[in-house]
Each structure stands twice: as C-alpha cells, then as structure tokens.
Amino acid sequence: MQVITFALMIFLTLVAFVAVGYEEFSAWFIVPFILILAVVQVIFQLYYFMHMSHKGHEAPALFLYSGLLVGAITVLAFMTIIWW
C-alpha cells in the first residue's frame, strides 16, 4: 500500500507542477488547487508514512488534530478581524 501511496503522491506533485506551468490557468484557480493537493498529500503522509492509522497512536493524533483546530480558529479569527 505504501508503494501505491508514494506513486500517488508523486503523481499529485506532477499535477501541481503542470498546473503551475500551464499558462492558461489563472492564479485564482492555481492557488486553491495547489492548496487542496497539499492537504491531500499531508493526509497521505500522516496516515501511511507516519503510521497514524495504527493502534496506539491515539494521543499523537489527538495532539495533531487539536493543533489543526487551534490553527484553523486562529486563521478564522484573523480573517474576521481584518475583513470585518
């Protein structure tokens, strides 16, 4: 399974590279597209290469998700402060 995931990550990297190199796409499309591909790759790396899907990794997963929640709340708070 790790070989398939690694090949998929290489493919996603190539897709991101081609999307940036393709001059017909605007920055309004490329930036969110690259961010989505980055999130997918982070999920693959966490679950397959850092073994977060195995038993016994509940505490590190809790800390990771708590950090993601705090980061998301911080970004939303700053966006609210800036644009409201």
PDB file of N, CA and C in Angstrom:
ATOM      1  N   MET A   1       0.814  -1.193   0.000  1.00  0.00           N
ATOM      2  CA  MET A   1       0.000   0.000   0.000  1.00  0.00           C
ATOM      3  C   MET A   1       0.862   1.263   0.000  1.00  0.00           C
ATOM      4  N   GLN A   2       2.020   1.192   0.648  1.00  0.00           N
ATOM      5  CA  GLN A   2       2.878   2.372   0.698  1.00  0.00           C
ATOM      6  C   GLN A   2       3.438   2.727  -0.673  1.00  0.00           C
ATOM      7  N   VAL A   3       3.681   1.722  -1.503  1.00  0.00           N
ATOM      8  CA  VAL A   3       4.203   1.995  -2.845  1.00  0.00           C
ATOM      9  C   VAL A   3       3.145   2.713  -3.680  1.00  0.00           C
ATOM     10  N   ILE A   4       1.897   2.275  -3.556  1.00  0.00           N
ATOM     11  CA  ILE A   4       0.809   2.925  -4.289  1.00  0.00           C
ATOM     12  C   ILE A   4       0.631   4.362  -3.806  1.00  0.00           C
ATOM     13  N   THR A   5       0.681   4.553  -2.498  1.00  0.00           N
ATOM     14  CA  THR A   5       0.543   5.897  -1.941  1.00  0.00           C
ATOM     15  C   THR A   5       1.698   6.785  -2.375  1.00  0.00           C
ATOM     16  N   PHE A   6       2.914   6.244  -2.374  1.00  0.00           N
ATOM     17  CA  PHE A   6       4.073   7.017  -2.819  1.00  0.00           C
ATOM     18  C   PHE A   6       3.923   7.409  -4.287  1.00  0.00           C
ATOM     19  N   ALA A   7       3.488   6.466  -5.123  1.00  0.00           N
ATOM     20  CA  ALA A   7       3.285   6.770  -6.540  1.00  0.00           C
ATOM     21  C   ALA A   7       2.192   7.823  -6.721  1.00  0.00           C
ATOM     22  N   LEU A   8       1.141   7.745  -5.917  1.00  0.00           N
ATOM     23  CA  LEU A   8       0.078   8.737  -5.994  1.00  0.00           C
ATOM     24  C   LEU A   8       0.567  10.117  -5.565  1.00  0.00           C
ATOM     25  N   MET A   9       1.437  10.161  -4.564  1.00  0.00           N
ATOM     26  CA  MET A   9       1.996  11.442  -4.132  1.00  0.00           C
ATOM     27  C   MET A   9       2.896  12.040  -5.212  1.00  0.00           C
ATOM     28  N   ILE A  10       3.672  11.212  -5.878  1.00  0.00           N
ATOM     29  CA  ILE A  10       4.494  11.695  -6.997  1.00  0.00           C
ATOM     30  C   ILE A  10       3.596  12.227  -8.113  1.00  0.00           C
ATOM     31  N   PHE A  11       2.519  11.505  -8.392  1.00  0.00           N
ATOM     32  CA  PHE A  11       1.568  11.946  -9.414  1.00  0.00           C
ATOM     33  C   PHE A  11       0.945  13.291  -9.040  1.00  0.00           C
ATOM     34  N   LEU A  12       0.544  13.455  -7.777  1.00  0.00           N
ATOM     35  CA  LEU A  12      -0.041  14.725  -7.339  1.00  0.00           C
ATOM     36  C   LEU A  12       0.970  15.867  -7.441  1.00  0.00           C
ATOM     37  N   THR A  13       2.233  15.574  -7.161  1.00  0.00           N
ATOM     38  CA  THR A  13       3.277  16.587  -7.304  1.00  0.00           C
ATOM     39  C   THR A  13       3.436  16.991  -8.766  1.00  0.00           C
ATOM     40  N   LEU A  14       3.401  16.022  -9.659  1.00  0.00           N
ATOM     41  CA  LEU A  14       3.500  16.330 -11.089  1.00  0.00           C
ATOM     42  C   LEU A  14       2.291  17.123 -11.573  1.00  0.00           C
ATOM     43  N   VAL A  15       1.102  16.781 -11.068  1.00  0.00           N
ATOM     44  CA  VAL A  15      -0.100  17.532 -11.435  1.00  0.00           C
ATOM     45  C   VAL A  15       0.028  18.985 -10.983  1.00  0.00           C
ATOM     46  N   ALA A  16       0.534  19.194  -9.770  1.00  0.00           N
ATOM     47  CA  ALA A  16       0.730  20.558  -9.269  1.00  0.00           C
ATOM     48  C   ALA A  16       1.749  21.306 -10.129  1.00  0.00           C
ATOM     49  N   PHE A  17       2.824  20.633 -10.507  1.00  0.00           N
ATOM     50  CA  PHE A  17       3.853  21.258 -11.335  1.00  0.00           C
ATOM     51  C   PHE A  17       3.296  21.649 -12.700  1.00  0.00           C
ATOM     52  N   VAL A  18       2.515  20.760 -13.306  1.00  0.00           N
ATOM     53  CA  VAL A  18       1.926  21.047 -14.613  1.00  0.00           C
ATOM     54  C   VAL A  18       0.906  22.181 -14.502  1.00  0.00           C
ATOM     55  N   ALA A  19       0.127  22.195 -13.425  1.00  0.00           N
ATOM     56  CA  ALA A  19      -0.874  23.261 -13.250  1.00  0.00           C
ATOM     57  C   ALA A  19      -0.211  24.624 -13.145  1.00  0.00           C
ATOM     58  N   VAL A  20       0.912  24.688 -12.460  1.00  0.00           N
ATOM     59  CA  VAL A  20       1.619  25.967 -12.340  1.00  0.00           C
ATOM     60  C   VAL A  20       2.263  26.348 -13.670  1.00  0.00           C
ATOM     61  N   GLY A  21       2.793  25.372 -14.382  1.00  0.00           N
ATOM     62  CA  GLY A  21       3.455  25.653 -15.651  1.00  0.00           C
ATOM     63  C   GLY A  21       2.504  25.956 -16.797  1.00  0.00           C
ATOM     64  N   TYR A  22       1.261  25.519 -16.676  1.00  0.00           N
ATOM     65  CA  TYR A  22       0.273  25.758 -17.727  1.00  0.00           C
ATOM     66  C   TYR A  22      -0.196  27.200 -17.643  1.00  0.00           C
ATOM     67  N   GLU A  23       0.054  27.969 -18.664  1.00  0.00           N
ATOM     68  CA  GLU A  23      -0.169  29.412 -18.618  1.00  0.00           C
ATOM     69  C   GLU A  23      -1.627  29.821 -18.796  1.00  0.00           C
ATOM     70  N   GLU A  24      -2.492  28.900 -19.156  1.00  0.00           N
ATOM     71  CA  GLU A  24      -3.901  29.238 -19.364  1.00  0.00           C
ATOM     72  C   GLU A  24      -4.677  29.360 -18.054  1.00  0.00           C
ATOM     73  N   PHE A  25      -4.170  28.767 -16.979  1.00  0.00           N
ATOM     74  CA  PHE A  25      -4.860  28.837 -15.691  1.00  0.00           C
ATOM     75  C   PHE A  25      -4.533  30.153 -14.998  1.00  0.00           C
ATOM     76  N   SER A  26      -5.536  30.733 -14.361  1.00  0.00           N
ATOM     77  CA  SER A  26      -5.299  31.972 -13.621  1.00  0.00           C
ATOM     78  C   SER A  26      -4.830  31.642 -12.208  1.00  0.00           C
ATOM     79  N   ALA A  27      -4.312  32.648 -11.540  1.00  0.00           N
ATOM     80  CA  ALA A  27      -3.858  32.462 -10.156  1.00  0.00           C
ATOM     81  C   ALA A  27      -5.028  32.154  -9.233  1.00  0.00           C
ATOM     82  N   TRP A  28      -6.221  32.618  -9.587  1.00  0.00           N
ATOM     83  CA  TRP A  28      -7.410  32.340  -8.773  1.00  0.00           C
ATOM     84  C   TRP A  28      -7.760  30.859  -8.784  1.00  0.00           C
ATOM     85  N   PHE A  29      -7.362  30.144  -9.810  1.00  0.00           N
ATOM     86  CA  PHE A  29      -7.576  28.699  -9.850  1.00  0.00           C
ATOM     87  C   PHE A  29      -6.390  27.943  -9.266  1.00  0.00           C
ATOM     88  N   ILE A  30      -5.194  28.378  -9.597  1.00  0.00           N
ATOM     89  CA  ILE A  30      -3.998  27.621  -9.233  1.00  0.00           C
ATOM     90  C   ILE A  30      -3.772  27.583  -7.725  1.00  0.00           C
ATOM     91  N   VAL A  31      -3.919  28.699  -7.042  1.00  0.00           N
ATOM     92  CA  VAL A  31      -3.617  28.740  -5.601  1.00  0.00           C
ATOM     93  C   VAL A  31      -4.519  27.799  -4.804  1.00  0.00           C
ATOM     94  N   PRO A  32      -5.855  27.847  -4.952  1.00  0.00           N
ATOM     95  CA  PRO A  32      -6.669  26.880  -4.200  1.00  0.00           C
ATOM     96  C   PRO A  32      -6.416  25.437  -4.631  1.00  0.00           C
ATOM     97  N   PHE A  33      -6.150  25.236  -5.915  1.00  0.00           N
ATOM     98  CA  PHE A  33      -5.879  23.889  -6.413  1.00  0.00           C
ATOM     99  C   PHE A  33      -4.617  23.316  -5.779  1.00  0.00           C
ATOM    100  N   ILE A  34      -3.565  24.109  -5.704  1.00  0.00           N
ATOM    101  CA  ILE A  34      -2.312  23.677  -5.079  1.00  0.00           C
ATOM    102  C   ILE A  34      -2.526  23.412  -3.591  1.00  0.00           C
ATOM    103  N   LEU A  35      -3.308  24.252  -2.930  1.00  0.00           N
ATOM    104  CA  LEU A  35      -3.582  24.043  -1.505  1.00  0.00           C
ATOM    105  C   LEU A  35      -4.363  22.753  -1.263  1.00  0.00           C
ATOM    106  N   ILE A  36      -5.314  22.448  -2.128  1.00  0.00           N
ATOM    107  CA  ILE A  36      -6.062  21.192  -1.998  1.00  0.00           C
ATOM    108  C   ILE A  36      -5.132  20.002  -2.199  1.00  0.00           C
ATOM    109  N   LEU A  37      -4.277  20.070  -3.211  1.00  0.00           N
ATOM    110  CA  LEU A  37      -3.317  18.982  -3.431  1.00  0.00           C
ATOM    111  C   LEU A  37      -2.373  18.832  -2.240  1.00  0.00           C
ATOM    112  N   ALA A  38      -1.977  19.943  -1.636  1.00  0.00           N
ATOM    113  CA  ALA A  38      -1.096  19.891  -0.464  1.00  0.00           C
ATOM    114  C   ALA A  38      -1.791  19.224   0.714  1.00  0.00           C
ATOM    115  N   VAL A  39      -3.056  19.530   0.925  1.00  0.00           N
ATOM    116  CA  VAL A  39      -3.801  18.905   2.026  1.00  0.00           C
ATOM    117  C   VAL A  39      -3.926  17.402   1.800  1.00  0.00           C
ATOM    118  N   VAL A  40      -4.188  17.005   0.571  1.00  0.00           N
ATOM    119  CA  VAL A  40      -4.284  15.573   0.262  1.00  0.00           C
ATOM    120  C   VAL A  40      -2.952  14.879   0.535  1.00  0.00           C
ATOM    121  N   GLN A  41      -1.852  15.514   0.163  1.00  0.00           N
ATOM    122  CA  GLN A  41      -0.547  14.906   0.403  1.00  0.00           C
ATOM    123  C   GLN A  41      -0.216  14.835   1.883  1.00  0.00           C
ATOM    124  N   VAL A  42      -0.608  15.836   2.652  1.00  0.00           N
ATOM    125  CA  VAL A  42      -0.379  15.792   4.104  1.00  0.00           C
ATOM    126  C   VAL A  42      -1.153  14.638   4.720  1.00  0.00           C
ATOM    127  N   ILE A  43      -2.382  14.442   4.295  1.00  0.00           N
ATOM    128  CA  ILE A  43      -3.188  13.332   4.819  1.00  0.00           C
ATOM    129  C   ILE A  43      -2.543  11.996   4.471  1.00  0.00           C
ATOM    130  N   PHE A  44      -2.100  11.843   3.231  1.00  0.00           N
ATOM    131  CA  PHE A  44      -1.418  10.603   2.848  1.00  0.00           C
ATOM    132  C   PHE A  44      -0.178  10.365   3.700  1.00  0.00           C
ATOM    133  N   GLN A  45       0.619  11.400   3.893  1.00  0.00           N
ATOM    134  CA  GLN A  45       1.846  11.223   4.668  1.00  0.00           C
ATOM    135  C   GLN A  45       1.552  10.888   6.118  1.00  0.00           C
ATOM    136  N   LEU A  46       0.554  11.520   6.699  1.00  0.00           N
ATOM    137  CA  LEU A  46       0.232  11.232   8.100  1.00  0.00           C
ATOM    138  C   LEU A  46      -0.258   9.799   8.275  1.00  0.00           C
ATOM    139  N   TYR A  47      -1.152   9.369   7.414  1.00  0.00           N
ATOM    140  CA  TYR A  47      -1.769   8.073   7.625  1.00  0.00           C
ATOM    141  C   TYR A  47      -0.941   6.902   7.121  1.00  0.00           C
ATOM    142  N   TYR A  48      -0.155   7.090   6.097  1.00  0.00           N
ATOM    143  CA  TYR A  48       0.570   5.949   5.555  1.00  0.00           C
ATOM    144  C   TYR A  48       2.050   5.943   5.910  1.00  0.00           C
ATOM    145  N   PHE A  49       2.693   7.096   5.946  1.00  0.00           N
ATOM    146  CA  PHE A  49       4.126   7.105   6.210  1.00  0.00           C
ATOM    147  C   PHE A  49       4.464   7.393   7.660  1.00  0.00           C
ATOM    148  N   MET A  50       3.588   8.091   8.381  1.00  0.00           N
ATOM    149  CA  MET A  50       3.825   8.328   9.803  1.00  0.00           C
ATOM    150  C   MET A  50       3.002   7.374  10.661  1.00  0.00           C
ATOM    151  N   HIS A  51       2.304   6.432  10.024  1.00  0.00           N
ATOM    152  CA  HIS A  51       1.587   5.339  10.694  1.00  0.00           C
ATOM    153  C   HIS A  51       0.557   5.841  11.693  1.00  0.00           C
ATOM    154  N   MET A  52      -0.129   6.936  11.397  1.00  0.00           N
ATOM    155  CA  MET A  52      -1.147   7.456  12.303  1.00  0.00           C
ATOM    156  C   MET A  52      -2.408   6.601  12.286  1.00  0.00           C
ATOM    157  N   SER A  53      -2.540   5.712  11.332  1.00  0.00           N
ATOM    158  CA  SER A  53      -3.727   4.865  11.270  1.00  0.00           C
ATOM    159  C   SER A  53      -3.594   3.619  12.142  1.00  0.00           C
ATOM    160  N   HIS A  54      -2.416   3.375  12.698  1.00  0.00           N
ATOM    161  CA  HIS A  54      -2.206   2.182  13.525  1.00  0.00           C
ATOM    162  C   HIS A  54      -2.721   2.390  14.935  1.00  0.00           C
ATOM    163  N   LYS A  55      -2.976   1.283  15.612  1.00  0.00           N
ATOM    164  CA  LYS A  55      -3.400   1.357  17.013  1.00  0.00           C
ATOM    165  C   LYS A  55      -2.253   1.877  17.869  1.00  0.00           C
ATOM    166  N   GLY A  56      -2.613   2.576  18.941  1.00  0.00           N
ATOM    167  CA  GLY A  56      -1.613   3.097  19.851  1.00  0.00           C
ATOM    168  C   GLY A  56      -1.157   4.505  19.532  1.00  0.00           C
ATOM    169  N   HIS A  57      -1.682   5.075  18.461  1.00  0.00           N
ATOM    170  CA  HIS A  57      -1.309   6.438  18.083  1.00  0.00           C
ATOM    171  C   HIS A  57      -2.456   7.417  18.323  1.00  0.00           C
ATOM    172  N   GLU A  58      -3.292   7.119  19.302  1.00  0.00           N
ATOM    173  CA  GLU A  58      -4.431   7.995  19.567  1.00  0.00           C
ATOM    174  C   GLU A  58      -3.992   9.328  20.170  1.00  0.00           C
ATOM    175  N   ALA A  59      -3.026   9.302  21.094  1.00  0.00           N
ATOM    176  CA  ALA A  59      -2.573  10.548  21.734  1.00  0.00           C
ATOM    177  C   ALA A  59      -1.884  11.480  20.730  1.00  0.00           C
ATOM    178  N   PRO A  60      -0.942  11.001  19.912  1.00  0.00           N
ATOM    179  CA  PRO A  60      -0.363  11.911  18.910  1.00  0.00           C
ATOM    180  C   PRO A  60      -1.407  12.435  17.921  1.00  0.00           C
ATOM    181  N   ALA A  61      -2.365  11.592  17.565  1.00  0.00           N
ATOM    182  CA  ALA A  61      -3.420  12.045  16.656  1.00  0.00           C
ATOM    183  C   ALA A  61      -4.265  13.132  17.314  1.00  0.00           C
ATOM    184  N   LEU A  62      -4.561  12.966  18.606  1.00  0.00           N
ATOM    185  CA  LEU A  62      -5.324  13.980  19.331  1.00  0.00           C
ATOM    186  C   LEU A  62      -4.577  15.309  19.356  1.00  0.00           C
ATOM    187  N   PHE A  63      -3.269  15.267  19.633  1.00  0.00           N
ATOM    188  CA  PHE A  63      -2.477  16.494  19.651  1.00  0.00           C
ATOM    189  C   PHE A  63      -2.416  17.131  18.263  1.00  0.00           C
ATOM    190  N   LEU A  64      -2.277  16.312  17.242  1.00  0.00           N
ATOM    191  CA  LEU A  64      -2.219  16.825  15.876  1.00  0.00           C
ATOM    192  C   LEU A  64      -3.521  17.511  15.498  1.00  0.00           C
ATOM    193  N   TYR A  65      -4.635  16.849  15.753  1.00  0.00           N
ATOM    194  CA  TYR A  65      -5.927  17.429  15.397  1.00  0.00           C
ATOM    195  C   TYR A  65      -6.250  18.647  16.254  1.00  0.00           C
ATOM    196  N   SER A  66      -5.819  18.645  17.500  1.00  0.00           N
ATOM    197  CA  SER A  66      -6.013  19.824  18.352  1.00  0.00           C
ATOM    198  C   SER A  66      -5.226  21.012  17.801  1.00  0.00           C
ATOM    199  N   GLY A  67      -4.006  20.764  17.356  1.00  0.00           N
ATOM    200  CA  GLY A  67      -3.202  21.828  16.753  1.00  0.00           C
ATOM    201  C   GLY A  67      -3.818  22.350  15.470  1.00  0.00           C
ATOM    202  N   LEU A  68      -4.364  21.446  14.658  1.00  0.00           N
ATOM    203  CA  LEU A  68      -5.038  21.882  13.437  1.00  0.00           C
ATOM    204  C   LEU A  68      -6.265  22.728  13.755  1.00  0.00           C
ATOM    205  N   LEU A  69      -7.009  22.335  14.788  1.00  0.00           N
ATOM    206  CA  LEU A  69      -8.185  23.103  15.188  1.00  0.00           C
ATOM    207  C   LEU A  69      -7.791  24.489  15.684  1.00  0.00           C
ATOM    208  N   VAL A  70      -6.771  24.563  16.516  1.00  0.00           N
ATOM    209  CA  VAL A  70      -6.307  25.864  17.018  1.00  0.00           C
ATOM    210  C   VAL A  70      -5.806  26.730  15.862  1.00  0.00           C
ATOM    211  N   GLY A  71      -5.087  26.129  14.924  1.00  0.00           N
ATOM    212  CA  GLY A  71      -4.609  26.881  13.763  1.00  0.00           C
ATOM    213  C   GLY A  71      -5.750  27.401  12.906  1.00  0.00           C
ATOM    214  N   ALA A  72      -6.764  26.567  12.675  1.00  0.00           N
ATOM    215  CA  ALA A  72      -7.911  26.994  11.872  1.00  0.00           C
ATOM    216  C   ALA A  72      -8.682  28.109  12.567  1.00  0.00           C
ATOM    217  N   ILE A  73      -8.866  27.983  13.882  1.00  0.00           N
ATOM    218  CA  ILE A  73      -9.562  29.035  14.631  1.00  0.00           C
ATOM    219  C   ILE A  73      -8.767  30.337  14.588  1.00  0.00           C
ATOM    220  N   THR A  74      -7.446  30.239  14.682  1.00  0.00           N
ATOM    221  CA  THR A  74      -6.604  31.435  14.622  1.00  0.00           C
ATOM    222  C   THR A  74      -6.714  32.121  13.263  1.00  0.00           C
ATOM    223  N   VAL A  75      -6.662  31.352  12.199  1.00  0.00           N
ATOM    224  CA  VAL A  75      -6.787  31.927  10.855  1.00  0.00           C
ATOM    225  C   VAL A  75      -8.154  32.578  10.682  1.00  0.00           C
ATOM    226  N   LEU A  76      -9.212  31.899  11.119  1.00  0.00           N
ATOM    227  CA  LEU A  76     -10.552  32.477  11.011  1.00  0.00           C
ATOM    228  C   LEU A  76     -10.688  33.748  11.842  1.00  0.00           C
ATOM    229  N   ALA A  77     -10.082  33.762  13.021  1.00  0.00           N
ATOM    230  CA  ALA A  77     -10.139  34.957  13.866  1.00  0.00           C
ATOM    231  C   ALA A  77      -9.425  36.127  13.196  1.00  0.00           C
ATOM    232  N   PHE A  78      -8.247  35.881  12.638  1.00  0.00           N
ATOM    233  CA  PHE A  78      -7.530  36.957  11.958  1.00  0.00           C
ATOM    234  C   PHE A  78      -8.286  37.447  10.724  1.00  0.00           C
ATOM    235  N   MET A  79      -8.886  36.523   9.982  1.00  0.00           N
ATOM    236  CA  MET A  79      -9.671  36.928   8.820  1.00  0.00           C
ATOM    237  C   MET A  79     -10.867  37.776   9.244  1.00  0.00           C
ATOM    238  N   THR A  80     -11.489  37.402  10.346  1.00  0.00           N
ATOM    239  CA  THR A  80     -12.625  38.177  10.846  1.00  0.00           C
ATOM    240  C   THR A  80     -12.183  39.561  11.297  1.00  0.00           C
ATOM    241  N   ILE A  81     -11.066  39.630  11.995  1.00  0.00           N
ATOM    242  CA  ILE A  81     -10.564  40.923  12.471  1.00  0.00           C
ATOM    243  C   ILE A  81     -10.184  41.828  11.297  1.00  0.00           C
ATOM    244  N   ILE A  82      -9.555  41.266  10.293  1.00  0.00           N
ATOM    245  CA  ILE A  82      -9.074  42.072   9.170  1.00  0.00           C
ATOM    246  C   ILE A  82     -10.219  42.537   8.273  1.00  0.00           C
ATOM    247  N   TRP A  83     -11.166  41.653   7.973  1.00  0.00           N
ATOM    248  CA  TRP A  83     -12.173  41.976   6.968  1.00  0.00           C
ATOM    249  C   TRP A  83     -13.513  42.411   7.530  1.00  0.00           C
ATOM    250  N   TRP A  84     -13.676  42.429   8.834  1.00  0.00           N
ATOM    251  CA  TRP A  84     -14.968  42.831   9.361  1.00  0.00           C
ATOM    252  C   TRP A  84     -14.958  44.250   9.623  1.00  0.00           C
TER     253      TRP A  84
END
